[in-house]
PDB file of N, CA and C in Angstrom:
ATOM      1  N   UNK A   1     -14.189  -2.204 -21.620  1.00  0.00           N
ATOM      2  CA  UNK A   1     -12.673  -2.587 -22.272  1.00  0.00           C
ATOM      3  C   UNK A   1     -13.007  -3.411 -23.588  1.00  0.00           C
ATOM      4  N   UNK A   2     -12.723  -3.743 -24.607  1.00  0.00           N
ATOM      5  CA  UNK A   2     -12.545  -4.855 -25.730  1.00  0.00           C
ATOM      6  C   UNK A   2     -11.641  -5.680 -25.719  1.00  0.00           C
ATOM      7  N   UNK A   3     -11.895  -6.861 -25.413  1.00  0.00           N
ATOM      8  CA  UNK A   3     -10.902  -7.965 -25.356  1.00  0.00           C
ATOM      9  C   UNK A   3     -10.152  -8.395 -26.576  1.00  0.00           C
ATOM     10  N   UNK A   4      -8.805  -8.674 -26.520  1.00  0.00           N
ATOM     11  CA  UNK A   4      -8.045  -8.814 -27.962  1.00  0.00           C
ATOM     12  C   UNK A   4      -7.692 -10.098 -28.394  1.00  0.00           C
ATOM     13  N   UNK A   5      -7.430 -10.437 -29.036  1.00  0.00           N
ATOM     14  CA  UNK A   5      -7.577 -12.150 -29.380  1.00  0.00           C
ATOM     15  C   UNK A   5      -6.446 -12.869 -29.042  1.00  0.00           C
ATOM     16  N   UNK A   6      -5.318 -11.945 -28.956  1.00  0.00           N
ATOM     17  CA  UNK A   6      -3.976 -12.056 -28.331  1.00  0.00           C
ATOM     18  C   UNK A   6      -3.891 -12.459 -26.911  1.00  0.00           C
ATOM     19  N   UNK A   7      -4.779 -11.670 -26.276  1.00  0.00           N
ATOM     20  CA  UNK A   7      -4.825 -11.690 -24.788  1.00  0.00           C
ATOM     21  C   UNK A   7      -5.933 -13.333 -24.708  1.00  0.00           C
ATOM     22  N   UNK A   8      -6.906 -13.918 -25.044  1.00  0.00           N
ATOM     23  CA  UNK A   8      -7.201 -14.776 -24.999  1.00  0.00           C
ATOM     24  C   UNK A   8      -6.513 -16.070 -25.421  1.00  0.00           C
ATOM     25  N   UNK A   9      -5.383 -16.074 -26.615  1.00  0.00           N
ATOM     26  CA  UNK A   9      -4.603 -17.037 -26.914  1.00  0.00           C
ATOM     27  C   UNK A   9      -3.184 -16.743 -25.707  1.00  0.00           C
ATOM     28  N   UNK A  10      -2.832 -15.987 -25.455  1.00  0.00           N
ATOM     29  CA  UNK A  10      -1.701 -15.683 -23.988  1.00  0.00           C
ATOM     30  C   UNK A  10      -2.476 -16.899 -22.818  1.00  0.00           C
ATOM     31  N   UNK A  11      -4.122 -16.836 -22.385  1.00  0.00           N
ATOM     32  CA  UNK A  11      -4.320 -17.479 -21.688  1.00  0.00           C
ATOM     33  C   UNK A  11      -4.258 -18.988 -21.753  1.00  0.00           C
ATOM     34  N   UNK A  12      -4.628 -18.785 -23.026  1.00  0.00           N
ATOM     35  CA  UNK A  12      -4.630 -20.534 -23.224  1.00  0.00           C
ATOM     36  C   UNK A  12      -3.136 -21.290 -23.325  1.00  0.00           C
ATOM     37  N   UNK A  13      -2.427 -20.683 -24.056  1.00  0.00           N
ATOM     38  CA  UNK A  13      -0.780 -20.810 -23.695  1.00  0.00           C
ATOM     39  C   UNK A  13      -0.393 -21.112 -22.391  1.00  0.00           C
ATOM     40  N   UNK A  14      -0.899 -20.093 -21.356  1.00  0.00           N
ATOM     41  CA  UNK A  14      -0.074 -20.508 -19.793  1.00  0.00           C
ATOM     42  C   UNK A  14      -1.730 -21.666 -19.157  1.00  0.00           C
ATOM     43  N   UNK A  15      -2.451 -21.784 -19.466  1.00  0.00           N
ATOM     44  CA  UNK A  15      -3.123 -23.044 -19.057  1.00  0.00           C
ATOM     45  C   UNK A  15      -2.764 -24.275 -19.817  1.00  0.00           C
ATOM     46  N   UNK A  16      -2.183 -24.115 -21.139  1.00  0.00           N
ATOM     47  CA  UNK A  16      -2.250 -25.150 -21.538  1.00  0.00           C
ATOM     48  C   UNK A  16      -0.653 -25.407 -21.365  1.00  0.00           C
ATOM     49  N   UNK A  17       0.276 -24.657 -21.210  1.00  0.00           N
ATOM     50  CA  UNK A  17       1.666 -25.525 -20.450  1.00  0.00           C
ATOM     51  C   UNK A  17       1.349 -25.794 -19.043  1.00  0.00           C
ATOM     52  N   UNK A  18       1.062 -25.202 -18.349  1.00  0.00           N
ATOM     53  CA  UNK A  18       1.058 -25.806 -17.079  1.00  0.00           C
ATOM     54  C   UNK A  18       0.063 -26.977 -17.036  1.00  0.00           C
ATOM     55  N   UNK A  19      -0.549 -27.476 -17.431  1.00  0.00           N
ATOM     56  CA  UNK A  19      -1.865 -28.372 -18.019  1.00  0.00           C
ATOM     57  C   UNK A  19      -1.044 -29.933 -18.596  1.00  0.00           C
ATOM     58  N   UNK A  20      -0.274 -29.383 -19.531  1.00  0.00           N
ATOM     59  CA  UNK A  20       0.880 -30.408 -19.698  1.00  0.00           C
ATOM     60  C   UNK A  20       1.925 -31.148 -18.944  1.00  0.00           C
ATOM     61  N   UNK A  21       2.454 -29.733 -18.487  1.00  0.00           N
ATOM     62  CA  UNK A  21       3.208 -29.826 -16.988  1.00  0.00           C
ATOM     63  C   UNK A  21       2.576 -30.772 -15.728  1.00  0.00           C
ATOM     64  N   UNK A  22       1.670 -30.772 -15.700  1.00  0.00           N
ATOM     65  CA  UNK A  22       1.122 -31.548 -14.719  1.00  0.00           C
ATOM     66  C   UNK A  22       0.689 -32.802 -15.383  1.00  0.00           C
ATOM     67  N   UNK A  23       0.851 -32.992 -16.743  1.00  0.00           N
ATOM     68  CA  UNK A  23       0.483 -34.512 -16.816  1.00  0.00           C
ATOM     69  C   UNK A  23       1.520 -35.065 -16.926  1.00  0.00           C
ATOM     70  N   UNK A  24       3.001 -34.227 -17.461  1.00  0.00           N
ATOM     71  CA  UNK A  24       3.982 -35.270 -17.266  1.00  0.00           C
ATOM     72  C   UNK A  24       4.592 -34.875 -15.712  1.00  0.00           C
ATOM     73  N   UNK A  25       3.812 -34.172 -15.164  1.00  0.00           N
ATOM     74  CA  UNK A  25       4.718 -34.330 -13.470  1.00  0.00           C
ATOM     75  C   UNK A  25       4.313 -35.880 -13.219  1.00  0.00           C
ATOM     76  N   UNK A  26       3.063 -36.119 -13.262  1.00  0.00           N
ATOM     77  CA  UNK A  26       1.817 -36.832 -12.947  1.00  0.00           C
ATOM     78  C   UNK A  26       3.107 -38.305 -13.172  1.00  0.00           C
ATOM     79  N   UNK A  27       3.266 -38.903 -14.586  1.00  0.00           N
ATOM     80  CA  UNK A  27       3.775 -39.817 -15.162  1.00  0.00           C
ATOM     81  C   UNK A  27       5.412 -39.506 -14.472  1.00  0.00           C
ATOM     82  N   UNK A  28       6.091 -39.021 -13.975  1.00  0.00           N
ATOM     83  CA  UNK A  28       7.473 -38.572 -13.590  1.00  0.00           C
ATOM     84  C   UNK A  28       7.622 -39.049 -12.245  1.00  0.00           C
ATOM     85  N   UNK A  29       6.390 -38.653 -11.554  1.00  0.00           N
ATOM     86  CA  UNK A  29       6.236 -38.834  -9.802  1.00  0.00           C
ATOM     87  C   UNK A  29       5.831 -40.432  -9.974  1.00  0.00           C
ATOM     88  N   UNK A  30       5.849 -41.304 -11.072  1.00  0.00           N
ATOM     89  CA  UNK A  30       5.403 -42.448 -10.962  1.00  0.00           C
ATOM     90  C   UNK A  30       6.596 -43.480 -11.356  1.00  0.00           C
ATOM     91  N   UNK A  31       7.774 -42.710 -11.555  1.00  0.00           N
ATOM     92  CA  UNK A  31       9.380 -43.067 -11.644  1.00  0.00           C
ATOM     93  C   UNK A  31      10.149 -42.775 -10.373  1.00  0.00           C
ATOM     94  N   UNK A  32      10.201 -41.572 -10.257  1.00  0.00           N
ATOM     95  CA  UNK A  32      10.976 -40.870  -9.419  1.00  0.00           C
ATOM     96  C   UNK A  32      10.770 -39.944  -8.298  1.00  0.00           C
ATOM     97  N   UNK A  33      11.178 -40.119  -7.154  1.00  0.00           N
ATOM     98  CA  UNK A  33      10.980 -38.834  -6.213  1.00  0.00           C
ATOM     99  C   UNK A  33      11.572 -37.255  -6.653  1.00  0.00           C
ATOM    100  N   UNK A  34      10.283 -36.327  -6.286  1.00  0.00           N
ATOM    101  CA  UNK A  34      10.724 -35.007  -6.805  1.00  0.00           C
ATOM    102  C   UNK A  34      11.756 -34.900  -5.724  1.00  0.00           C
ATOM    103  N   UNK A  35      12.668 -33.939  -6.428  1.00  0.00           N
ATOM    104  CA  UNK A  35      13.727 -32.974  -5.487  1.00  0.00           C
ATOM    105  C   UNK A  35      13.077 -32.198  -4.544  1.00  0.00           C
ATOM    106  N   UNK A  36      13.780 -31.870  -3.247  1.00  0.00           N
ATOM    107  CA  UNK A  36      13.163 -31.604  -2.579  1.00  0.00           C
ATOM    108  C   UNK A  36      12.962 -29.841  -2.899  1.00  0.00           C
ATOM    109  N   UNK A  37      14.086 -29.018  -3.782  1.00  0.00           N
ATOM    110  CA  UNK A  37      14.155 -27.556  -4.374  1.00  0.00           C
ATOM    111  C   UNK A  37      12.624 -27.433  -5.274  1.00  0.00           C
ATOM    112  N   UNK A  38      12.333 -28.546  -6.050  1.00  0.00           N
ATOM    113  CA  UNK A  38      11.318 -28.654  -6.605  1.00  0.00           C
ATOM    114  C   UNK A  38      10.018 -28.322  -5.696  1.00  0.00           C
ATOM    115  N   UNK A  39       9.459 -29.534  -4.897  1.00  0.00           N
ATOM    116  CA  UNK A  39       8.719 -28.965  -4.093  1.00  0.00           C
ATOM    117  C   UNK A  39       8.253 -27.623  -3.275  1.00  0.00           C
ATOM    118  N   UNK A  40       9.792 -27.273  -2.923  1.00  0.00           N
ATOM    119  CA  UNK A  40       9.947 -25.894  -1.755  1.00  0.00           C
ATOM    120  C   UNK A  40       8.959 -24.906  -3.461  1.00  0.00           C
ATOM    121  N   UNK A  41       9.710 -24.653  -4.429  1.00  0.00           N
ATOM    122  CA  UNK A  41       9.264 -24.010  -5.470  1.00  0.00           C
ATOM    123  C   UNK A  41       7.755 -23.805  -5.426  1.00  0.00           C
ATOM    124  N   UNK A  42       7.454 -25.292  -5.834  1.00  0.00           N
ATOM    125  CA  UNK A  42       5.610 -25.162  -6.222  1.00  0.00           C
ATOM    126  C   UNK A  42       5.182 -24.502  -4.972  1.00  0.00           C
ATOM    127  N   UNK A  43       5.627 -25.337  -3.360  1.00  0.00           N
ATOM    128  CA  UNK A  43       4.746 -24.314  -2.177  1.00  0.00           C
ATOM    129  C   UNK A  43       5.017 -22.885  -2.078  1.00  0.00           C
ATOM    130  N   UNK A  44       6.033 -22.302  -2.521  1.00  0.00           N
ATOM    131  CA  UNK A  44       5.741 -21.276  -2.847  1.00  0.00           C
ATOM    132  C   UNK A  44       5.257 -20.463  -3.250  1.00  0.00           C
ATOM    133  N   UNK A  45       5.396 -20.815  -4.914  1.00  0.00           N
ATOM    134  CA  UNK A  45       4.510 -20.433  -6.006  1.00  0.00           C
ATOM    135  C   UNK A  45       3.247 -20.371  -5.350  1.00  0.00           C
ATOM    136  N   UNK A  46       2.746 -21.495  -4.792  1.00  0.00           N
ATOM    137  CA  UNK A  46       1.246 -21.563  -4.714  1.00  0.00           C
ATOM    138  C   UNK A  46       1.200 -20.741  -3.508  1.00  0.00           C
ATOM    139  N   UNK A  47       1.646 -20.064  -2.056  1.00  0.00           N
ATOM    140  CA  UNK A  47       1.940 -19.574  -1.433  1.00  0.00           C
ATOM    141  C   UNK A  47       1.410 -17.904  -1.855  1.00  0.00           C
ATOM    142  N   UNK A  48       2.863 -17.379  -2.726  1.00  0.00           N
ATOM    143  CA  UNK A  48       2.816 -16.066  -3.403  1.00  0.00           C
ATOM    144  C   UNK A  48       1.426 -15.844  -3.747  1.00  0.00           C
ATOM    145  N   UNK A  49       1.099 -16.883  -4.740  1.00  0.00           N
ATOM    146  CA  UNK A  49       0.011 -16.912  -5.935  1.00  0.00           C
ATOM    147  C   UNK A  49      -1.464 -16.493  -4.765  1.00  0.00           C
ATOM    148  N   UNK A  50      -1.361 -17.095  -3.526  1.00  0.00           N
ATOM    149  CA  UNK A  50      -2.703 -17.103  -2.885  1.00  0.00           C
ATOM    150  C   UNK A  50      -2.466 -16.191  -2.044  1.00  0.00           C
ATOM    151  N   UNK A  51      -1.782 -15.702  -1.759  1.00  0.00           N
ATOM    152  CA  UNK A  51      -1.026 -13.864  -0.957  1.00  0.00           C
ATOM    153  C   UNK A  51      -1.778 -12.778  -2.139  1.00  0.00           C
ATOM    154  N   UNK A  52      -1.254 -12.960  -3.153  1.00  0.00           N
ATOM    155  CA  UNK A  52      -1.582 -11.908  -3.938  1.00  0.00           C
ATOM    156  C   UNK A  52      -3.019 -12.438  -4.376  1.00  0.00           C
ATOM    157  N   UNK A  53      -3.884 -12.764  -4.660  1.00  0.00           N
ATOM    158  CA  UNK A  53      -5.055 -13.420  -4.186  1.00  0.00           C
ATOM    159  C   UNK A  53      -5.924 -12.695  -3.078  1.00  0.00           C
ATOM    160  N   UNK A  54      -5.612 -12.976  -2.003  1.00  0.00           N
ATOM    161  CA  UNK A  54      -5.728 -11.973  -0.874  1.00  0.00           C
ATOM    162  C   UNK A  54      -6.264 -10.844  -0.975  1.00  0.00           C
ATOM    163  N   UNK A  55      -4.935 -10.166  -1.536  1.00  0.00           N
ATOM    164  CA  UNK A  55      -4.563  -8.659  -1.412  1.00  0.00           C
ATOM    165  C   UNK A  55      -5.443  -8.095  -2.517  1.00  0.00           C
ATOM    166  N   UNK A  56      -5.787  -8.653  -3.317  1.00  0.00           N
ATOM    167  CA  UNK A  56      -6.904  -8.128  -4.489  1.00  0.00           C
ATOM    168  C   UNK A  56      -8.163  -7.725  -3.902  1.00  0.00           C
ATOM    169  N   UNK A  57      -8.465  -6.526  -4.737  1.00  0.00           N
ATOM    170  CA  UNK A  57     -10.384  -6.300  -4.024  1.00  0.00           C
ATOM    171  C   UNK A  57     -11.182  -7.232  -4.962  1.00  0.00           C
ATOM    172  N   UNK A  58     -12.318  -7.974  -4.256  1.00  0.00           N
ATOM    173  CA  UNK A  58     -13.211  -8.695  -5.413  1.00  0.00           C
ATOM    174  C   UNK A  58     -13.320  -7.768  -6.636  1.00  0.00           C
ATOM    175  N   UNK A  59     -13.128  -8.486  -7.563  1.00  0.00           N
ATOM    176  CA  UNK A  59     -13.649  -7.913  -8.747  1.00  0.00           C
ATOM    177  C   UNK A  59     -12.469  -6.899  -9.572  1.00  0.00           C
ATOM    178  N   UNK A  60     -11.486  -7.101  -8.691  1.00  0.00           N
ATOM    179  CA  UNK A  60     -10.039  -6.484  -9.488  1.00  0.00           C
ATOM    180  C   UNK A  60      -9.307  -7.200 -10.263  1.00  0.00           C
ATOM    181  N   UNK A  61      -9.590  -8.724 -10.006  1.00  0.00           N
ATOM    182  CA  UNK A  61      -8.758  -9.798 -10.665  1.00  0.00           C
ATOM    183  C   UNK A  61      -9.329  -9.972 -11.895  1.00  0.00           C
ATOM    184  N   UNK A  62      -8.276 -10.131 -12.890  1.00  0.00           N
ATOM    185  CA  UNK A  62      -8.456 -10.681 -14.318  1.00  0.00           C
ATOM    186  C   UNK A  62      -7.883 -11.788 -14.703  1.00  0.00           C
ATOM    187  N   UNK A  63      -8.683 -12.636 -15.004  1.00  0.00           N
ATOM    188  CA  UNK A  63      -7.141 -13.750 -16.041  1.00  0.00           C
ATOM    189  C   UNK A  63      -7.043 -13.359 -17.180  1.00  0.00           C
ATOM    190  N   UNK A  64      -7.347 -12.594 -17.823  1.00  0.00           N
ATOM    191  CA  UNK A  64      -6.723 -12.484 -19.235  1.00  0.00           C
ATOM    192  C   UNK A  64      -5.541 -11.264 -19.079  1.00  0.00           C
ATOM    193  N   UNK A  65      -4.563 -11.398 -19.587  1.00  0.00           N
ATOM    194  CA  UNK A  65      -3.654 -10.769 -19.303  1.00  0.00           C
ATOM    195  C   UNK A  65      -3.593  -9.006 -20.071  1.00  0.00           C
ATOM    196  N   UNK A  66      -4.943  -8.742 -19.373  1.00  0.00           N
ATOM    197  CA  UNK A  66      -5.123  -7.271 -19.875  1.00  0.00           C
ATOM    198  C   UNK A  66      -5.890  -6.296 -18.736  1.00  0.00           C
ATOM    199  N   UNK A  67      -5.837  -5.372 -18.958  1.00  0.00           N
ATOM    200  CA  UNK A  67      -5.748  -4.435 -17.815  1.00  0.00           C
ATOM    201  C   UNK A  67      -7.657  -4.299 -17.459  1.00  0.00           C
ATOM    202  N   UNK A  68      -8.296  -4.274 -16.811  1.00  0.00           N
ATOM    203  CA  UNK A  68      -9.299  -4.095 -16.285  1.00  0.00           C
ATOM    204  C   UNK A  68      -9.932  -3.204 -16.107  1.00  0.00           C
ATOM    205  N   UNK A  69     -11.447  -2.349 -16.939  1.00  0.00           N
ATOM    206  CA  UNK A  69     -11.506  -1.395 -16.947  1.00  0.00           C
ATOM    207  C   UNK A  69     -11.612  -1.645 -15.724  1.00  0.00           C
ATOM    208  N   UNK A  70     -11.823   0.134 -14.603  1.00  0.00           N
ATOM    209  CA  UNK A  70     -12.124   0.516 -13.552  1.00  0.00           C
ATOM    210  C   UNK A  70     -11.499   0.074 -12.348  1.00  0.00           C
ATOM    211  N   UNK A  71      -9.992  -0.882 -13.123  1.00  0.00           N
ATOM    212  CA  UNK A  71      -9.481  -1.653 -12.064  1.00  0.00           C
ATOM    213  C   UNK A  71      -8.644  -0.577 -11.144  1.00  0.00           C
ATOM    214  N   UNK A  72      -8.175  -1.310 -10.443  1.00  0.00           N
ATOM    215  CA  UNK A  72      -7.247  -0.081  -9.186  1.00  0.00           C
ATOM    216  C   UNK A  72      -6.235  -0.942  -8.803  1.00  0.00           C
ATOM    217  N   UNK A  73      -5.397  -0.150  -8.892  1.00  0.00           N
ATOM    218  CA  UNK A  73      -3.660  -0.044  -8.518  1.00  0.00           C
ATOM    219  C   UNK A  73      -3.810  -0.474  -7.168  1.00  0.00           C
ATOM    220  N   UNK A  74      -2.902  -2.119  -6.763  1.00  0.00           N
ATOM    221  CA  UNK A  74      -3.018  -2.901  -5.397  1.00  0.00           C
ATOM    222  C   UNK A  74      -1.506  -2.270  -5.374  1.00  0.00           C
ATOM    223  N   UNK A  75      -1.425  -2.031  -3.638  1.00  0.00           N
ATOM    224  CA  UNK A  75      -0.140  -1.284  -3.406  1.00  0.00           C
ATOM    225  C   UNK A  75       0.398  -2.026  -2.052  1.00  0.00           C
ATOM    226  N   UNK A  76      -0.310  -2.727  -1.755  1.00  0.00           N
ATOM    227  CA  UNK A  76      -0.335  -3.875  -0.261  1.00  0.00           C
ATOM    228  C   UNK A  76      -0.070  -5.393  -0.487  1.00  0.00           C
ATOM    229  N   UNK A  77       0.293  -6.042   0.550  1.00  0.00           N
ATOM    230  CA  UNK A  77       0.242  -7.127  -0.160  1.00  0.00           C
ATOM    231  C   UNK A  77       1.691  -7.485  -0.354  1.00  0.00           C
ATOM    232  N   UNK A  78       1.546  -8.303  -1.679  1.00  0.00           N
ATOM    233  CA  UNK A  78       3.386  -9.051  -2.369  1.00  0.00           C
ATOM    234  C   UNK A  78       3.300  -7.622  -3.199  1.00  0.00           C
ATOM    235  N   UNK A  79       2.363  -6.973  -3.737  1.00  0.00           N
ATOM    236  CA  UNK A  79       2.437  -6.154  -4.302  1.00  0.00           C
ATOM    237  C   UNK A  79       3.103  -4.708  -4.196  1.00  0.00           C
ATOM    238  N   UNK A  80       3.358  -4.849  -2.561  1.00  0.00           N
ATOM    239  CA  UNK A  80       4.359  -3.347  -2.185  1.00  0.00           C
ATOM    240  C   UNK A  80       5.805  -4.110  -2.902  1.00  0.00           C
ATOM    241  N   UNK A  81       6.205  -5.286  -3.221  1.00  0.00           N
ATOM    242  CA  UNK A  81       7.559  -5.399  -3.234  1.00  0.00           C
ATOM    243  C   UNK A  81       7.601  -5.981  -5.012  1.00  0.00           C
ATOM    244  N   UNK A  82       6.103  -6.520  -5.369  1.00  0.00           N
ATOM    245  CA  UNK A  82       6.406  -6.990  -7.056  1.00  0.00           C
ATOM    246  C   UNK A  82       5.412  -7.069  -7.267  1.00  0.00           C
ATOM    247  N   UNK A  83       5.919  -6.712  -8.730  1.00  0.00           N
ATOM    248  CA  UNK A  83       4.904  -5.942  -9.737  1.00  0.00           C
ATOM    249  C   UNK A  83       3.948  -6.699  -9.953  1.00  0.00           C
ATOM    250  N   UNK A  84       4.169  -8.317 -10.116  1.00  0.00           N
ATOM    251  CA  UNK A  84       2.948  -9.355 -10.571  1.00  0.00           C
ATOM    252  C   UNK A  84       3.590 -10.255  -9.556  1.00  0.00           C
ATOM    253  N   UNK A  85       2.978 -10.448  -8.743  1.00  0.00           N
ATOM    254  CA  UNK A  85       3.335 -11.741  -7.681  1.00  0.00           C
ATOM    255  C   UNK A  85       2.477 -12.466  -8.228  1.00  0.00           C
ATOM    256  N   UNK A  86       1.419 -12.900  -8.896  1.00  0.00           N
ATOM    257  CA  UNK A  86       0.926 -14.008  -9.615  1.00  0.00           C
ATOM    258  C   UNK A  86       1.936 -14.602 -10.448  1.00  0.00           C
ATOM    259  N   UNK A  87       2.351 -13.603 -11.191  1.00  0.00           N
ATOM    260  CA  UNK A  87       2.948 -14.072 -12.402  1.00  0.00           C
ATOM    261  C   UNK A  87       4.173 -15.051 -11.711  1.00  0.00           C
ATOM    262  N   UNK A  88       4.595 -14.261 -10.914  1.00  0.00           N
ATOM    263  CA  UNK A  88       6.024 -15.036 -10.525  1.00  0.00           C
ATOM    264  C   UNK A  88       6.140 -16.194  -9.819  1.00  0.00           C
ATOM    265  N   UNK A  89       4.421 -16.490  -8.468  1.00  0.00           N
ATOM    266  CA  UNK A  89       4.044 -17.808  -8.545  1.00  0.00           C
ATOM    267  C   UNK A  89       3.923 -18.863  -9.368  1.00  0.00           C
ATOM    268  N   UNK A  90       3.307 -18.954 -10.457  1.00  0.00           N
ATOM    269  CA  UNK A  90       2.974 -19.298 -11.725  1.00  0.00           C
ATOM    270  C   UNK A  90       4.586 -19.912 -12.180  1.00  0.00           C
ATOM    271  N   UNK A  91       5.354 -18.974 -12.296  1.00  0.00           N
ATOM    272  CA  UNK A  91       6.676 -19.220 -13.162  1.00  0.00           C
ATOM    273  C   UNK A  91       7.312 -20.149 -11.480  1.00  0.00           C
ATOM    274  N   UNK A  92       7.143 -19.931 -10.484  1.00  0.00           N
ATOM    275  CA  UNK A  92       7.854 -20.995  -9.402  1.00  0.00           C
ATOM    276  C   UNK A  92       7.177 -22.308  -9.320  1.00  0.00           C
ATOM    277  N   UNK A  93       6.028 -22.334  -9.694  1.00  0.00           N
ATOM    278  CA  UNK A  93       5.134 -23.655  -9.703  1.00  0.00           C
ATOM    279  C   UNK A  93       5.366 -24.419 -10.896  1.00  0.00           C
ATOM    280  N   UNK A  94       6.103 -23.735 -12.248  1.00  0.00           N
ATOM    281  CA  UNK A  94       6.198 -23.952 -13.368  1.00  0.00           C
ATOM    282  C   UNK A  94       7.881 -24.818 -12.798  1.00  0.00           C
ATOM    283  N   UNK A  95       8.510 -23.626 -12.271  1.00  0.00           N
ATOM    284  CA  UNK A  95      10.098 -24.631 -11.951  1.00  0.00           C
ATOM    285  C   UNK A  95      10.046 -25.526 -11.885  1.00  0.00           C
ATOM    286  N   UNK A  96       9.025 -25.828 -10.532  1.00  0.00           N
ATOM    287  CA  UNK A  96       9.123 -27.026  -9.614  1.00  0.00           C
ATOM    288  C   UNK A  96       9.173 -28.609 -10.425  1.00  0.00           C
ATOM    289  N   UNK A  97       7.740 -27.984 -11.276  1.00  0.00           N
ATOM    290  CA  UNK A  97       7.100 -29.282 -12.255  1.00  0.00           C
ATOM    291  C   UNK A  97       8.397 -29.291 -13.125  1.00  0.00           C
ATOM    292  N   UNK A  98       8.948 -28.484 -13.906  1.00  0.00           N
ATOM    293  CA  UNK A  98      10.243 -28.827 -14.552  1.00  0.00           C
ATOM    294  C   UNK A  98      11.134 -29.504 -13.872  1.00  0.00           C
ATOM    295  N   UNK A  99      11.247 -29.301 -12.840  1.00  0.00           N
ATOM    296  CA  UNK A  99      12.318 -29.803 -11.806  1.00  0.00           C
ATOM    297  C   UNK A  99      12.151 -31.403 -11.630  1.00  0.00           C
ATOM    298  N   UNK A 100      10.908 -31.338 -11.544  1.00  0.00           N
ATOM    299  CA  UNK A 100      10.065 -33.045 -11.109  1.00  0.00           C
ATOM    300  C   UNK A 100      10.254 -33.570 -12.618  1.00  0.00           C
ATOM    301  N   UNK A 101      10.285 -33.275 -13.424  1.00  0.00           N
ATOM    302  CA  UNK A 101       9.779 -33.711 -14.858  1.00  0.00           C
ATOM    303  C   UNK A 101      11.184 -34.192 -15.350  1.00  0.00           C
ATOM    304  N   UNK A 102      11.888 -33.131 -15.163  1.00  0.00           N
ATOM    305  CA  UNK A 102      13.368 -32.896 -15.615  1.00  0.00           C
ATOM    306  C   UNK A 102      13.920 -33.243 -17.034  1.00  0.00           C
ATOM    307  N   UNK A 103      12.968 -33.433 -17.779  1.00  0.00           N
ATOM    308  CA  UNK A 103      13.379 -33.443 -18.931  1.00  0.00           C
ATOM    309  C   UNK A 103      13.147 -31.899 -20.103  1.00  0.00           C
ATOM    310  N   UNK A 104      13.687 -32.454 -21.269  1.00  0.00           N
ATOM    311  CA  UNK A 104      13.337 -31.098 -22.323  1.00  0.00           C
ATOM    312  C   UNK A 104      12.257 -30.590 -22.381  1.00  0.00           C
ATOM    313  N   UNK A 105      11.472 -31.616 -22.528  1.00  0.00           N
ATOM    314  CA  UNK A 105      10.033 -31.428 -22.419  1.00  0.00           C
ATOM    315  C   UNK A 105       9.312 -30.253 -21.303  1.00  0.00           C
ATOM    316  N   UNK A 106       9.566 -30.406 -20.310  1.00  0.00           N
ATOM    317  CA  UNK A 106       9.136 -30.282 -18.628  1.00  0.00           C
ATOM    318  C   UNK A 106       9.735 -28.381 -18.916  1.00  0.00           C
ATOM    319  N   UNK A 107      11.135 -28.304 -19.392  1.00  0.00           N
ATOM    320  CA  UNK A 107      11.772 -27.563 -19.382  1.00  0.00           C
ATOM    321  C   UNK A 107      11.190 -26.056 -20.094  1.00  0.00           C
ATOM    322  N   UNK A 108      11.057 -26.825 -21.620  1.00  0.00           N
ATOM    323  CA  UNK A 108      10.615 -26.565 -22.565  1.00  0.00           C
ATOM    324  C   UNK A 108       8.953 -25.605 -22.367  1.00  0.00           C
ATOM    325  N   UNK A 109       8.521 -26.467 -21.502  1.00  0.00           N
ATOM    326  CA  UNK A 109       6.589 -26.052 -20.805  1.00  0.00           C
ATOM    327  C   UNK A 109       6.887 -24.635 -19.856  1.00  0.00           C
ATOM    328  N   UNK A 110       8.231 -24.823 -19.106  1.00  0.00           N
ATOM    329  CA  UNK A 110       8.111 -23.681 -18.229  1.00  0.00           C
ATOM    330  C   UNK A 110       8.748 -22.076 -19.216  1.00  0.00           C
ATOM    331  N   UNK A 111       9.342 -22.811 -20.580  1.00  0.00           N
ATOM    332  CA  UNK A 111      10.145 -21.466 -21.036  1.00  0.00           C
ATOM    333  C   UNK A 111       8.937 -21.143 -21.777  1.00  0.00           C
ATOM    334  N   UNK A 112       7.960 -21.930 -21.983  1.00  0.00           N
ATOM    335  CA  UNK A 112       6.667 -21.231 -23.108  1.00  0.00           C
ATOM    336  C   UNK A 112       5.904 -20.540 -22.116  1.00  0.00           C
ATOM    337  N   UNK A 113       5.367 -21.127 -21.081  1.00  0.00           N
ATOM    338  CA  UNK A 113       4.790 -19.960 -19.648  1.00  0.00           C
ATOM    339  C   UNK A 113       5.722 -18.766 -19.690  1.00  0.00           C
ATOM    340  N   UNK A 114       6.983 -18.971 -19.504  1.00  0.00           N
ATOM    341  CA  UNK A 114       7.326 -17.296 -19.457  1.00  0.00           C
ATOM    342  C   UNK A 114       7.255 -16.961 -20.810  1.00  0.00           C
ATOM    343  N   UNK A 115       7.221 -17.068 -21.631  1.00  0.00           N
ATOM    344  CA  UNK A 115       7.219 -16.115 -22.684  1.00  0.00           C
ATOM    345  C   UNK A 115       5.809 -15.269 -23.015  1.00  0.00           C
ATOM    346  N   UNK A 116       4.771 -16.342 -23.086  1.00  0.00           N
ATOM    347  CA  UNK A 116       3.381 -15.986 -22.806  1.00  0.00           C
ATOM    348  C   UNK A 116       3.326 -14.940 -21.674  1.00  0.00           C
ATOM    349  N   UNK A 117       4.008 -15.174 -20.661  1.00  0.00           N
ATOM    350  CA  UNK A 117       4.033 -14.071 -19.527  1.00  0.00           C
ATOM    351  C   UNK A 117       4.396 -12.618 -19.640  1.00  0.00           C
ATOM    352  N   UNK A 118       6.030 -12.910 -20.546  1.00  0.00           N
ATOM    353  CA  UNK A 118       6.540 -11.668 -20.870  1.00  0.00           C
ATOM    354  C   UNK A 118       5.982 -11.004 -21.944  1.00  0.00           C
ATOM    355  N   UNK A 119       5.191 -11.643 -22.731  1.00  0.00           N
ATOM    356  CA  UNK A 119       4.246 -10.967 -23.769  1.00  0.00           C
ATOM    357  C   UNK A 119       3.298 -10.124 -23.357  1.00  0.00           C
TER     358      UNK A 119
END
């Protein structure tokens, strides 16, 4: 399968948005205590992402937002109820980080991640 430049770009947007959110979160935690809902969102997102990874077959997972040649449709684990549980896990983590940062920049990074995942 051919890799597209768009897939690589979207991957960098996702990692970049999360990296900047983590940096801003580190700075925010030096000033304020995180709200409980934000911590719950982060823990829930990490747990959902881990469950999705465990449900996947080795070699079926792909970081790029492109179908893997020879990939198999997973219908168990969180995939039984959610079409893209890893994306949802990322969004939950990003929302929690946005809540800790609680600024325009933090929320815009969450929206940037959402946009990249929707594309």
